[in-house]
N, C-alpha and C. Protein backbone atom coordinates (compact mmCIF):
# COMPACT_ATOMS: atom_id res chain seq x y z
N MET A 1 -50.76 -42.42 53.13
CA MET A 1 -49.36 -42.23 53.05
C MET A 1 -49.09 -41.04 52.11
N GLN A 2 -48.27 -40.20 52.58
CA GLN A 2 -47.96 -38.99 51.82
C GLN A 2 -46.54 -39.07 51.27
N PHE A 3 -46.46 -38.91 49.96
CA PHE A 3 -45.13 -38.93 49.34
C PHE A 3 -44.63 -37.50 49.19
N TYR A 4 -43.37 -37.39 49.38
CA TYR A 4 -42.73 -36.07 49.23
C TYR A 4 -42.44 -35.84 47.76
N THR A 5 -42.99 -34.81 47.19
CA THR A 5 -42.74 -34.48 45.79
C THR A 5 -41.82 -33.27 45.71
N ARG A 6 -40.86 -33.42 44.91
CA ARG A 6 -39.92 -32.30 44.72
C ARG A 6 -40.52 -31.29 43.77
N LYS A 7 -40.32 -30.08 44.10
CA LYS A 7 -40.74 -29.03 43.18
C LYS A 7 -39.64 -28.83 42.14
N ARG A 8 -40.05 -28.82 40.92
CA ARG A 8 -39.06 -28.60 39.85
C ARG A 8 -38.76 -27.12 39.76
N ARG A 9 -37.48 -26.86 39.73
CA ARG A 9 -37.08 -25.47 39.55
C ARG A 9 -37.05 -25.16 38.07
N SER A 10 -37.52 -24.01 37.76
CA SER A 10 -37.46 -23.62 36.35
C SER A 10 -36.03 -23.17 36.03
N LEU A 11 -35.57 -23.55 34.85
CA LEU A 11 -34.22 -23.20 34.45
C LEU A 11 -34.17 -21.74 34.02
N VAL A 12 -33.20 -21.05 34.56
CA VAL A 12 -33.00 -19.64 34.24
C VAL A 12 -31.56 -19.47 33.76
N ILE A 13 -31.42 -18.90 32.58
CA ILE A 13 -30.09 -18.62 32.06
C ILE A 13 -29.76 -17.18 32.43
N ASN A 14 -28.65 -17.04 33.12
CA ASN A 14 -28.23 -15.72 33.54
C ASN A 14 -27.59 -15.01 32.33
N VAL A 15 -28.32 -14.11 31.73
CA VAL A 15 -27.89 -13.44 30.51
C VAL A 15 -26.98 -12.26 30.81
N VAL A 16 -27.03 -11.74 32.00
CA VAL A 16 -26.23 -10.56 32.34
C VAL A 16 -24.75 -10.85 32.20
N SER A 17 -24.29 -11.99 32.68
CA SER A 17 -22.87 -12.31 32.57
C SER A 17 -22.48 -12.56 31.11
N LEU A 18 -23.38 -13.11 30.30
CA LEU A 18 -23.08 -13.31 28.89
C LEU A 18 -22.94 -11.98 28.15
N ILE A 19 -23.75 -11.02 28.52
CA ILE A 19 -23.66 -9.70 27.90
C ILE A 19 -22.34 -9.04 28.27
N ASP A 20 -21.90 -9.21 29.50
CA ASP A 20 -20.61 -8.65 29.92
C ASP A 20 -19.47 -9.27 29.12
N ILE A 21 -19.50 -10.57 28.96
CA ILE A 21 -18.45 -11.25 28.20
C ILE A 21 -18.46 -10.81 26.75
N LEU A 22 -19.65 -10.68 26.18
CA LEU A 22 -19.76 -10.23 24.80
C LEU A 22 -19.21 -8.81 24.64
N ALA A 23 -19.52 -7.95 25.59
CA ALA A 23 -19.01 -6.57 25.53
C ALA A 23 -17.49 -6.54 25.63
N ILE A 24 -16.92 -7.35 26.50
CA ILE A 24 -15.47 -7.39 26.64
C ILE A 24 -14.81 -7.93 25.37
N LEU A 25 -15.39 -8.96 24.77
CA LEU A 25 -14.85 -9.48 23.52
C LEU A 25 -14.93 -8.45 22.39
N LEU A 26 -16.03 -7.74 22.33
CA LEU A 26 -16.18 -6.71 21.30
C LEU A 26 -15.13 -5.61 21.47
N ILE A 27 -14.92 -5.17 22.69
CA ILE A 27 -13.89 -4.14 22.94
C ILE A 27 -12.52 -4.69 22.58
N PHE A 28 -12.24 -5.94 22.93
CA PHE A 28 -10.94 -6.54 22.61
C PHE A 28 -10.70 -6.56 21.11
N PHE A 29 -11.69 -6.99 20.32
CA PHE A 29 -11.51 -7.06 18.88
C PHE A 29 -11.39 -5.67 18.25
N ILE A 30 -12.10 -4.70 18.78
CA ILE A 30 -12.00 -3.34 18.24
C ILE A 30 -10.62 -2.77 18.51
N VAL A 31 -10.10 -2.99 19.71
CA VAL A 31 -8.81 -2.43 20.07
C VAL A 31 -7.68 -3.11 19.31
N THR A 32 -7.77 -4.42 19.12
CA THR A 32 -6.66 -5.13 18.47
C THR A 32 -6.70 -5.05 16.96
N THR A 33 -7.79 -4.63 16.37
CA THR A 33 -7.87 -4.51 14.92
C THR A 33 -7.23 -3.20 14.48
N ASN A 34 -6.44 -3.29 13.44
CA ASN A 34 -5.78 -2.11 12.92
C ASN A 34 -6.58 -1.61 11.72
N PHE A 35 -7.21 -0.45 11.86
CA PHE A 35 -8.07 0.08 10.80
C PHE A 35 -7.29 0.93 9.80
N ARG A 36 -6.10 1.39 10.14
CA ARG A 36 -5.35 2.26 9.25
C ARG A 36 -4.70 1.49 8.12
N LYS A 37 -4.70 2.09 6.97
CA LYS A 37 -3.98 1.53 5.84
C LYS A 37 -2.60 2.19 5.82
N PRO A 38 -1.58 1.45 5.43
CA PRO A 38 -0.25 2.08 5.38
C PRO A 38 -0.23 3.19 4.32
N GLN A 39 0.22 4.35 4.72
CA GLN A 39 0.28 5.50 3.83
C GLN A 39 1.69 5.65 3.29
N PRO A 40 1.83 5.95 2.01
CA PRO A 40 3.17 6.16 1.47
C PRO A 40 3.76 7.45 2.03
N ARG A 41 5.07 7.49 2.04
CA ARG A 41 5.74 8.69 2.56
C ARG A 41 5.55 9.88 1.63
N LEU A 42 5.32 9.60 0.37
CA LEU A 42 5.19 10.65 -0.63
C LEU A 42 3.87 10.47 -1.34
N GLN A 43 2.97 11.42 -1.20
CA GLN A 43 1.64 11.33 -1.82
C GLN A 43 1.75 11.73 -3.28
N ILE A 44 1.33 10.83 -4.16
CA ILE A 44 1.43 11.05 -5.61
C ILE A 44 0.03 11.11 -6.19
N ASN A 45 -0.26 12.14 -6.99
CA ASN A 45 -1.51 12.24 -7.74
C ASN A 45 -1.21 11.79 -9.16
N LEU A 46 -1.61 10.57 -9.49
CA LEU A 46 -1.30 10.01 -10.80
C LEU A 46 -2.20 10.60 -11.87
N PRO A 47 -1.68 10.76 -13.10
CA PRO A 47 -2.52 11.25 -14.18
C PRO A 47 -3.51 10.17 -14.61
N ASP A 48 -4.61 10.61 -15.23
CA ASP A 48 -5.64 9.68 -15.68
C ASP A 48 -5.26 9.08 -17.03
N SER A 49 -5.74 7.87 -17.28
CA SER A 49 -5.47 7.19 -18.55
C SER A 49 -6.71 6.41 -18.96
N LYS A 50 -7.07 6.51 -20.22
CA LYS A 50 -8.22 5.75 -20.71
C LYS A 50 -7.88 4.28 -20.93
N ALA A 51 -6.62 3.98 -21.14
CA ALA A 51 -6.21 2.61 -21.41
C ALA A 51 -5.55 1.94 -20.21
N ALA A 52 -5.73 2.47 -19.01
CA ALA A 52 -5.09 1.90 -17.82
C ALA A 52 -5.71 0.56 -17.46
N GLU A 53 -4.87 -0.36 -17.06
CA GLU A 53 -5.32 -1.68 -16.63
C GLU A 53 -4.73 -1.97 -15.26
N THR A 54 -5.37 -2.86 -14.55
CA THR A 54 -4.79 -3.28 -13.29
C THR A 54 -3.68 -4.27 -13.59
N ALA A 55 -2.58 -4.11 -12.86
CA ALA A 55 -1.43 -4.98 -13.08
C ALA A 55 -1.69 -6.34 -12.46
N PRO A 56 -1.24 -7.40 -13.11
CA PRO A 56 -1.43 -8.73 -12.52
C PRO A 56 -0.57 -8.87 -11.27
N ALA A 57 -1.06 -9.63 -10.32
CA ALA A 57 -0.31 -9.84 -9.08
C ALA A 57 0.90 -10.71 -9.39
N GLU A 58 2.06 -10.15 -9.23
CA GLU A 58 3.29 -10.88 -9.50
C GLU A 58 3.92 -11.28 -8.18
N SER A 59 4.83 -12.20 -8.27
CA SER A 59 5.47 -12.68 -7.06
C SER A 59 6.40 -11.63 -6.46
N SER A 60 7.01 -10.81 -7.30
CA SER A 60 7.91 -9.79 -6.77
C SER A 60 7.32 -8.40 -7.02
N GLN A 61 7.36 -7.59 -6.01
CA GLN A 61 6.88 -6.23 -6.12
C GLN A 61 7.92 -5.40 -6.87
N PRO A 62 7.49 -4.49 -7.73
CA PRO A 62 8.46 -3.69 -8.47
C PRO A 62 9.14 -2.66 -7.56
N LEU A 63 10.32 -2.29 -7.95
CA LEU A 63 11.06 -1.21 -7.31
C LEU A 63 10.46 0.08 -7.86
N VAL A 64 9.82 0.88 -7.02
CA VAL A 64 9.06 2.03 -7.49
C VAL A 64 9.90 3.29 -7.38
N LEU A 65 9.99 4.01 -8.49
CA LEU A 65 10.68 5.29 -8.55
C LEU A 65 9.60 6.37 -8.61
N ARG A 66 9.46 7.15 -7.53
CA ARG A 66 8.40 8.16 -7.44
C ARG A 66 8.99 9.56 -7.63
N VAL A 67 8.30 10.37 -8.44
CA VAL A 67 8.73 11.74 -8.70
C VAL A 67 7.57 12.65 -8.39
N LYS A 68 7.75 13.55 -7.42
CA LYS A 68 6.73 14.54 -7.12
C LYS A 68 7.20 15.92 -7.58
N THR A 69 8.32 16.36 -7.08
CA THR A 69 8.93 17.62 -7.52
C THR A 69 10.41 17.36 -7.72
N SER A 70 11.14 18.41 -8.04
CA SER A 70 12.58 18.23 -8.24
C SER A 70 13.27 17.87 -6.92
N ASP A 71 12.68 18.26 -5.79
CA ASP A 71 13.27 17.95 -4.49
C ASP A 71 12.74 16.66 -3.90
N GLU A 72 11.62 16.16 -4.39
CA GLU A 72 11.00 14.97 -3.82
C GLU A 72 11.02 13.82 -4.81
N ILE A 73 12.12 13.09 -4.79
CA ILE A 73 12.27 11.89 -5.61
C ILE A 73 12.63 10.76 -4.65
N THR A 74 11.89 9.65 -4.75
CA THR A 74 12.21 8.51 -3.89
C THR A 74 12.37 7.26 -4.75
N LEU A 75 13.27 6.42 -4.31
CA LEU A 75 13.49 5.12 -4.94
C LEU A 75 13.23 4.08 -3.88
N ASP A 76 12.11 3.38 -4.02
CA ASP A 76 11.69 2.36 -3.04
C ASP A 76 11.56 2.97 -1.64
N ASP A 77 10.90 4.14 -1.57
CA ASP A 77 10.62 4.89 -0.34
C ASP A 77 11.88 5.42 0.34
N LYS A 78 12.98 5.51 -0.38
CA LYS A 78 14.21 6.12 0.15
C LYS A 78 14.49 7.35 -0.68
N PRO A 79 14.78 8.49 -0.05
CA PRO A 79 15.01 9.71 -0.81
C PRO A 79 16.22 9.59 -1.75
N ALA A 80 16.10 10.24 -2.89
CA ALA A 80 17.17 10.22 -3.88
C ALA A 80 17.26 11.60 -4.53
N THR A 81 18.42 11.90 -5.09
CA THR A 81 18.60 13.15 -5.83
C THR A 81 18.82 12.80 -7.29
N LEU A 82 18.67 13.79 -8.15
CA LEU A 82 18.87 13.55 -9.58
C LEU A 82 20.32 13.16 -9.87
N ASP A 83 21.27 13.72 -9.11
CA ASP A 83 22.68 13.43 -9.36
C ASP A 83 23.04 11.98 -9.04
N SER A 84 22.46 11.45 -7.95
CA SER A 84 22.83 10.09 -7.51
C SER A 84 21.83 9.03 -7.99
N LEU A 85 20.83 9.43 -8.74
CA LEU A 85 19.75 8.50 -9.11
C LEU A 85 20.25 7.37 -10.01
N ALA A 86 21.07 7.69 -11.02
CA ALA A 86 21.55 6.66 -11.94
C ALA A 86 22.37 5.61 -11.20
N GLU A 87 23.22 6.05 -10.29
CA GLU A 87 24.05 5.11 -9.53
C GLU A 87 23.20 4.24 -8.60
N LYS A 88 22.21 4.85 -7.96
CA LYS A 88 21.33 4.07 -7.08
C LYS A 88 20.51 3.05 -7.87
N LEU A 89 20.07 3.43 -9.06
CA LEU A 89 19.34 2.49 -9.91
C LEU A 89 20.24 1.33 -10.33
N ARG A 90 21.49 1.65 -10.67
CA ARG A 90 22.43 0.61 -11.08
C ARG A 90 22.69 -0.38 -9.94
N THR A 91 22.90 0.13 -8.72
CA THR A 91 23.17 -0.76 -7.59
C THR A 91 21.93 -1.57 -7.21
N ALA A 92 20.75 -0.95 -7.32
CA ALA A 92 19.52 -1.70 -7.02
C ALA A 92 19.30 -2.80 -8.04
N ARG A 93 19.63 -2.53 -9.29
CA ARG A 93 19.46 -3.53 -10.35
C ARG A 93 20.46 -4.68 -10.18
N GLU A 94 21.69 -4.34 -9.73
CA GLU A 94 22.69 -5.38 -9.51
C GLU A 94 22.34 -6.22 -8.28
N ALA A 95 21.76 -5.60 -7.26
CA ALA A 95 21.41 -6.33 -6.04
C ALA A 95 20.28 -7.32 -6.29
N GLN A 96 19.29 -6.91 -7.07
CA GLN A 96 18.14 -7.76 -7.39
C GLN A 96 17.86 -7.67 -8.89
N PRO A 97 18.55 -8.48 -9.68
CA PRO A 97 18.41 -8.33 -11.14
C PRO A 97 17.03 -8.70 -11.68
N GLY A 98 16.28 -9.55 -11.01
CA GLY A 98 14.97 -9.95 -11.53
C GLY A 98 13.84 -9.04 -11.12
N ARG A 99 14.10 -8.10 -10.23
CA ARG A 99 13.05 -7.23 -9.72
C ARG A 99 12.74 -6.12 -10.73
N PRO A 100 11.47 -5.99 -11.13
CA PRO A 100 11.13 -4.94 -12.10
C PRO A 100 11.16 -3.55 -11.47
N ILE A 101 11.35 -2.55 -12.31
CA ILE A 101 11.37 -1.15 -11.86
C ILE A 101 10.24 -0.42 -12.57
N ALA A 102 9.48 0.39 -11.80
CA ALA A 102 8.35 1.14 -12.37
C ALA A 102 8.46 2.60 -11.96
N LEU A 103 7.95 3.47 -12.79
CA LEU A 103 8.00 4.92 -12.57
C LEU A 103 6.63 5.43 -12.19
N GLN A 104 6.59 6.25 -11.14
CA GLN A 104 5.35 6.91 -10.71
C GLN A 104 5.64 8.40 -10.66
N ALA A 105 5.10 9.16 -11.60
CA ALA A 105 5.33 10.60 -11.64
C ALA A 105 4.02 11.32 -11.37
N ASP A 106 4.07 12.30 -10.48
CA ASP A 106 2.90 13.10 -10.14
C ASP A 106 2.49 13.92 -11.35
N ARG A 107 1.18 14.17 -11.48
CA ARG A 107 0.72 14.93 -12.64
C ARG A 107 1.20 16.38 -12.59
N ASP A 108 1.55 16.88 -11.39
CA ASP A 108 2.05 18.25 -11.26
C ASP A 108 3.58 18.31 -11.25
N ALA A 109 4.25 17.19 -11.44
CA ALA A 109 5.72 17.19 -11.46
C ALA A 109 6.21 17.94 -12.68
N PRO A 110 7.28 18.72 -12.52
CA PRO A 110 7.82 19.44 -13.68
C PRO A 110 8.30 18.45 -14.75
N PHE A 111 7.96 18.77 -15.99
CA PHE A 111 8.30 17.87 -17.09
C PHE A 111 9.81 17.71 -17.24
N GLY A 112 10.55 18.78 -16.96
CA GLY A 112 12.01 18.71 -17.06
C GLY A 112 12.59 17.71 -16.07
N VAL A 113 12.01 17.63 -14.89
CA VAL A 113 12.49 16.68 -13.88
C VAL A 113 12.20 15.25 -14.33
N VAL A 114 11.02 15.03 -14.91
CA VAL A 114 10.66 13.69 -15.39
C VAL A 114 11.60 13.28 -16.51
N VAL A 115 11.97 14.20 -17.39
CA VAL A 115 12.90 13.90 -18.47
C VAL A 115 14.27 13.54 -17.90
N LYS A 116 14.71 14.28 -16.87
CA LYS A 116 16.00 13.97 -16.25
C LYS A 116 15.97 12.60 -15.57
N VAL A 117 14.83 12.24 -14.99
CA VAL A 117 14.69 10.91 -14.38
C VAL A 117 14.75 9.84 -15.46
N LEU A 118 14.10 10.08 -16.59
CA LEU A 118 14.16 9.13 -17.70
C LEU A 118 15.59 9.00 -18.23
N ASP A 119 16.34 10.12 -18.25
CA ASP A 119 17.74 10.07 -18.65
C ASP A 119 18.56 9.23 -17.66
N ALA A 120 18.27 9.37 -16.37
CA ALA A 120 18.97 8.58 -15.35
C ALA A 120 18.65 7.10 -15.52
N LEU A 121 17.40 6.78 -15.87
CA LEU A 121 17.04 5.38 -16.13
C LEU A 121 17.82 4.83 -17.32
N LYS A 122 17.95 5.65 -18.37
CA LYS A 122 18.70 5.22 -19.55
C LYS A 122 20.18 5.07 -19.22
N ALA A 123 20.71 5.99 -18.40
CA ALA A 123 22.12 5.90 -18.01
C ALA A 123 22.39 4.67 -17.15
N ALA A 124 21.40 4.23 -16.41
CA ALA A 124 21.55 3.03 -15.58
C ALA A 124 21.38 1.76 -16.41
N GLY A 125 21.03 1.89 -17.68
CA GLY A 125 20.89 0.74 -18.56
C GLY A 125 19.52 0.09 -18.50
N LEU A 126 18.51 0.84 -18.09
CA LEU A 126 17.15 0.30 -17.99
C LEU A 126 16.33 0.79 -19.16
N LYS A 127 15.60 -0.15 -19.76
CA LYS A 127 14.73 0.18 -20.89
C LYS A 127 13.34 -0.31 -20.58
N ASP A 128 12.37 0.24 -21.24
CA ASP A 128 10.96 -0.19 -21.12
C ASP A 128 10.49 -0.20 -19.67
N VAL A 129 10.66 0.91 -18.99
CA VAL A 129 10.19 1.03 -17.61
C VAL A 129 8.74 1.46 -17.65
N PRO A 130 7.83 0.67 -17.05
CA PRO A 130 6.42 1.06 -17.08
C PRO A 130 6.16 2.26 -16.17
N ALA A 131 5.18 3.07 -16.55
CA ALA A 131 4.77 4.22 -15.74
C ALA A 131 3.38 3.95 -15.21
N PHE A 132 3.17 4.22 -13.92
CA PHE A 132 1.87 4.01 -13.30
C PHE A 132 0.94 5.15 -13.66
N THR A 133 -0.29 4.81 -13.99
CA THR A 133 -1.36 5.80 -14.15
C THR A 133 -2.58 5.26 -13.41
N GLN A 134 -3.61 6.04 -13.35
CA GLN A 134 -4.86 5.56 -12.76
C GLN A 134 -5.97 5.69 -13.80
N PRO A 135 -6.99 4.85 -13.70
CA PRO A 135 -8.08 4.93 -14.68
C PRO A 135 -8.78 6.28 -14.62
N GLU A 136 -9.25 6.75 -15.77
CA GLU A 136 -9.93 8.04 -15.84
C GLU A 136 -11.25 7.96 -15.08
N LYS A 137 -11.51 8.97 -14.28
CA LYS A 137 -12.73 8.98 -13.47
C LYS A 137 -13.89 9.44 -14.32
N THR A 138 -14.96 8.66 -14.27
CA THR A 138 -16.17 9.04 -15.01
C THR A 138 -17.11 9.75 -14.08
N PRO A 139 -17.73 10.84 -14.53
CA PRO A 139 -18.62 11.60 -13.65
C PRO A 139 -19.91 10.88 -13.34
């Protein structure tokens, strides 16, 4: 008597389709990932400081007053002029009284413009405004 024996098929995993799926997923993640960092509208080169520290992460971001030249002054990324700066600072302070204000002046900014900005801060009734610097680079 002869019994019929089944031949066992060897298991084969089709890797070609897995490679296709992996390639499609890789392309999807590359395309959907945003590699760019947000760039400020006004590029500031901060002066070096030996005593600079990193600021603690606070719940509210400060209102940043940036000074590059006499023509390039921004208050919270909105253009401002020296004439209207004190009034804009006053209205910003009234709108959000708990929000801190910080000064960022470019190292090449004219000193006279920085003094006028400090006068506008004083006219708006603001005292002890911190100025941003960057740590001194060691060679």
